Amino acid sequence: MPLEQLGAVMEKVEDKINQPLVKEGVIIAKGREGKPEAVILGFIPHDQRKFSYNFVFGLALTVVKIAKEHGGRPYATGLYFSRNADGVLGEERAKTQTSRSSGNGLSLKR
C-alpha cells in the first residue's frame, strides 16, 4: 500500500478486527510507481483444528479489502487472489502466465 496510507489502514484494521493480530512490515523506498510503499504481513494466531478457525481465516480477506480501499494490493496471487494477477504481477507477467497455462505450444521456461 502507499506509505502515506499506512496509518489509515492500521486504524481501520484495528477497528474492524477484534482478534489478536500480529503485524510485521517492510517499507520500500521506491515502490511500483516510484513512490514509497509499505508491505504488511499479518498473522492471526488461531488453531486450525477448531471449527472457529474457518471464521477467523476470513478475517485475512477483510484486511486485504481494507488495504485495497487505500490503494494497496496483495503481494502474491496464491489461490484466492488469482483474479488480481494484473495488479499483483503486472500486466505483462499475467499475460505470460495465461499463455503458459493455455498450452499454446510455446515452450516458456522460468
C-alpha atoms as a PDB file:
ATOM      1  CA  MET A   1       0.000   0.000   0.000  1.00  0.00           C
ATOM      2  CA  PRO A   2       1.180   3.557  -0.410  1.00  0.00           C
ATOM      3  CA  LEU A   3       3.180   4.515   2.681  1.00  0.00           C
ATOM      4  CA  GLU A   4       1.032   7.615   3.164  1.00  0.00           C
ATOM      5  CA  GLN A   5      -1.995   5.330   3.704  1.00  0.00           C
ATOM      6  CA  LEU A   6      -0.355   3.095   6.321  1.00  0.00           C
ATOM      7  CA  GLY A   7      -1.797   4.926   9.340  1.00  0.00           C
ATOM      8  CA  ALA A   8      -5.338   4.947   7.956  1.00  0.00           C
ATOM      9  CA  VAL A   9      -5.140   1.250   7.086  1.00  0.00           C
ATOM     10  CA  MET A  10      -3.831   0.270  10.525  1.00  0.00           C
ATOM     11  CA  GLU A  11      -6.559   2.291  12.267  1.00  0.00           C
ATOM     12  CA  LYS A  12      -9.313   0.690  10.192  1.00  0.00           C
ATOM     13  CA  VAL A  13      -7.873  -2.818  10.670  1.00  0.00           C
ATOM     14  CA  GLU A  14      -7.731  -2.334  14.442  1.00  0.00           C
ATOM     15  CA  ASP A  15     -11.312  -1.054  14.366  1.00  0.00           C
ATOM     16  CA  LYS A  16     -12.681  -3.969  12.274  1.00  0.00           C
ATOM     17  CA  ILE A  17     -10.669  -6.952  13.547  1.00  0.00           C
ATOM     18  CA  ASN A  18     -11.486  -7.981  17.109  1.00  0.00           C
ATOM     19  CA  GLN A  19      -8.904 -10.759  17.265  1.00  0.00           C
ATOM     20  CA  PRO A  20      -5.231 -10.614  18.186  1.00  0.00           C
ATOM     21  CA  LEU A  21      -3.357  -9.591  15.042  1.00  0.00           C
ATOM     22  CA  VAL A  22       0.422  -9.693  14.806  1.00  0.00           C
ATOM     23  CA  LYS A  23       1.776  -7.361  12.130  1.00  0.00           C
ATOM     24  CA  GLU A  24       5.182  -7.265  10.504  1.00  0.00           C
ATOM     25  CA  GLY A  25       6.052  -4.630   7.954  1.00  0.00           C
ATOM     26  CA  VAL A  26       8.661  -3.574   5.449  1.00  0.00           C
ATOM     27  CA  ILE A  27       8.998  -0.122   3.918  1.00  0.00           C
ATOM     28  CA  ILE A  28      10.020   0.067   0.257  1.00  0.00           C
ATOM     29  CA  ALA A  29      11.571   3.404  -0.730  1.00  0.00           C
ATOM     30  CA  LYS A  30      10.641   3.127  -4.408  1.00  0.00           C
ATOM     31  CA  GLY A  31       7.552   1.007  -4.931  1.00  0.00           C
ATOM     32  CA  ARG A  32       5.909   0.018  -8.183  1.00  0.00           C
ATOM     33  CA  GLU A  33       5.142   3.622  -9.179  1.00  0.00           C
ATOM     34  CA  GLY A  34       8.363   5.060  -7.755  1.00  0.00           C
ATOM     35  CA  LYS A  35       6.674   6.131  -4.511  1.00  0.00           C
ATOM     36  CA  PRO A  36       7.251   4.718  -1.004  1.00  0.00           C
ATOM     37  CA  GLU A  37       5.158   1.656  -0.151  1.00  0.00           C
ATOM     38  CA  ALA A  38       4.529  -0.409   2.954  1.00  0.00           C
ATOM     39  CA  VAL A  39       4.239  -4.193   2.847  1.00  0.00           C
ATOM     40  CA  ILE A  40       2.401  -5.640   5.821  1.00  0.00           C
ATOM     41  CA  LEU A  41       2.312  -9.313   6.757  1.00  0.00           C
ATOM     42  CA  GLY A  42      -0.379 -10.161   9.252  1.00  0.00           C
ATOM     43  CA  PHE A  43      -0.703 -13.189  11.484  1.00  0.00           C
ATOM     44  CA  ILE A  44      -3.914 -14.027  13.334  1.00  0.00           C
ATOM     45  CA  PRO A  45      -2.984 -16.629  15.962  1.00  0.00           C
ATOM     46  CA  HIS A  46      -5.571 -19.404  15.942  1.00  0.00           C
ATOM     47  CA  ASP A  47      -5.921 -23.181  15.971  1.00  0.00           C
ATOM     48  CA  GLN A  48      -6.868 -24.588  12.567  1.00  0.00           C
ATOM     49  CA  ARG A  49      -8.160 -27.760  14.214  1.00  0.00           C
ATOM     50  CA  LYS A  50     -11.043 -25.823  15.749  1.00  0.00           C
ATOM     51  CA  PHE A  51     -14.266 -25.101  13.882  1.00  0.00           C
ATOM     52  CA  SER A  52     -13.994 -21.381  14.667  1.00  0.00           C
ATOM     53  CA  TYR A  53     -10.800 -21.240  12.561  1.00  0.00           C
ATOM     54  CA  ASN A  54     -12.996 -21.074   9.448  1.00  0.00           C
ATOM     55  CA  PHE A  55     -14.412 -17.750  10.633  1.00  0.00           C
ATOM     56  CA  VAL A  56     -11.097 -16.280  11.749  1.00  0.00           C
ATOM     57  CA  PHE A  57      -9.427 -17.264   8.467  1.00  0.00           C
ATOM     58  CA  GLY A  58     -11.843 -14.992   6.594  1.00  0.00           C
ATOM     59  CA  LEU A  59     -10.522 -12.006   8.539  1.00  0.00           C
ATOM     60  CA  ALA A  60      -7.408 -12.123   6.370  1.00  0.00           C
ATOM     61  CA  LEU A  61      -9.613 -11.273   3.405  1.00  0.00           C
ATOM     62  CA  THR A  62     -11.069  -8.368   5.381  1.00  0.00           C
ATOM     63  CA  VAL A  63      -7.568  -6.966   5.912  1.00  0.00           C
ATOM     64  CA  VAL A  64      -6.820  -7.248   2.184  1.00  0.00           C
ATOM     65  CA  LYS A  65     -10.094  -5.492   1.371  1.00  0.00           C
ATOM     66  CA  ILE A  66      -9.198  -2.606   3.692  1.00  0.00           C
ATOM     67  CA  ALA A  67      -5.732  -2.304   2.146  1.00  0.00           C
ATOM     68  CA  LYS A  68      -7.225  -2.276  -1.373  1.00  0.00           C
ATOM     69  CA  GLU A  69      -9.595   0.530  -0.358  1.00  0.00           C
ATOM     70  CA  HIS A  70      -6.469   2.569   0.421  1.00  0.00           C
ATOM     71  CA  GLY A  71      -4.554   1.793  -2.769  1.00  0.00           C
ATOM     72  CA  GLY A  72      -2.947  -1.442  -1.591  1.00  0.00           C
ATOM     73  CA  ARG A  73      -2.804  -4.854  -3.244  1.00  0.00           C
ATOM     74  CA  PRO A  74      -1.892  -8.433  -2.312  1.00  0.00           C
ATOM     75  CA  TYR A  75       1.829  -9.095  -2.762  1.00  0.00           C
ATOM     76  CA  ALA A  76       1.179 -12.528  -4.313  1.00  0.00           C
ATOM     77  CA  THR A  77      -1.728 -14.160  -6.102  1.00  0.00           C
ATOM     78  CA  GLY A  78      -1.977 -17.554  -4.450  1.00  0.00           C
ATOM     79  CA  LEU A  79      -5.290 -19.389  -4.662  1.00  0.00           C
ATOM     80  CA  TYR A  80      -7.547 -16.577  -3.505  1.00  0.00           C
ATOM     81  CA  PHE A  81      -6.156 -13.665  -5.494  1.00  0.00           C
ATOM     82  CA  SER A  82      -5.620 -15.208  -8.941  1.00  0.00           C
ATOM     83  CA  ARG A  83      -8.223 -12.799 -10.330  1.00  0.00           C
ATOM     84  CA  ASN A  84      -5.962  -9.944  -9.239  1.00  0.00           C
ATOM     85  CA  ALA A  85      -2.994 -11.187 -11.280  1.00  0.00           C
ATOM     86  CA  ASP A  86      -2.725  -7.998 -13.364  1.00  0.00           C
ATOM     87  CA  GLY A  87      -2.476  -5.823 -10.259  1.00  0.00           C
ATOM     88  CA  VAL A  88      -0.208  -8.166  -8.339  1.00  0.00           C
ATOM     89  CA  LEU A  89       2.148  -9.477 -11.016  1.00  0.00           C
ATOM     90  CA  GLY A  90       1.870  -6.669 -13.520  1.00  0.00           C
ATOM     91  CA  GLU A  91       0.035  -6.928 -16.806  1.00  0.00           C
ATOM     92  CA  GLU A  92       2.901  -8.427 -18.846  1.00  0.00           C
ATOM     93  CA  ARG A  93       3.659 -11.168 -16.310  1.00  0.00           C
ATOM     94  CA  ALA A  94      -0.032 -12.061 -16.042  1.00  0.00           C
ATOM     95  CA  LYS A  95      -0.211 -12.434 -19.840  1.00  0.00           C
ATOM     96  CA  THR A  96       2.782 -14.783 -19.719  1.00  0.00           C
ATOM     97  CA  GLN A  97       1.087 -16.904 -17.066  1.00  0.00           C
ATOM     98  CA  THR A  98      -2.120 -17.060 -19.130  1.00  0.00           C
ATOM     99  CA  SER A  99      -0.191 -18.032 -22.247  1.00  0.00           C
ATOM    100  CA  ARG A 100       1.733 -20.705 -20.354  1.00  0.00           C
ATOM    101  CA  SER A 101      -1.408 -22.273 -18.898  1.00  0.00           C
ATOM    102  CA  SER A 102      -3.302 -22.258 -22.200  1.00  0.00           C
ATOM    103  CA  GLY A 103      -0.986 -24.900 -23.642  1.00  0.00           C
ATOM    104  CA  ASN A 104      -0.398 -22.896 -26.792  1.00  0.00           C
ATOM    105  CA  GLY A 105       2.684 -24.882 -27.728  1.00  0.00           C
ATOM    106  CA  LEU A 106       5.205 -22.260 -26.665  1.00  0.00           C
ATOM    107  CA  SER A 107       7.973 -23.603 -24.525  1.00  0.00           C
ATOM    108  CA  LEU A 108       8.172 -20.954 -21.831  1.00  0.00           C
ATOM    109  CA  LYS A 109      10.688 -21.677 -19.118  1.00  0.00           C
ATOM    110  CA  ARG A 110      11.022 -19.942 -15.788  1.00  0.00           C
END
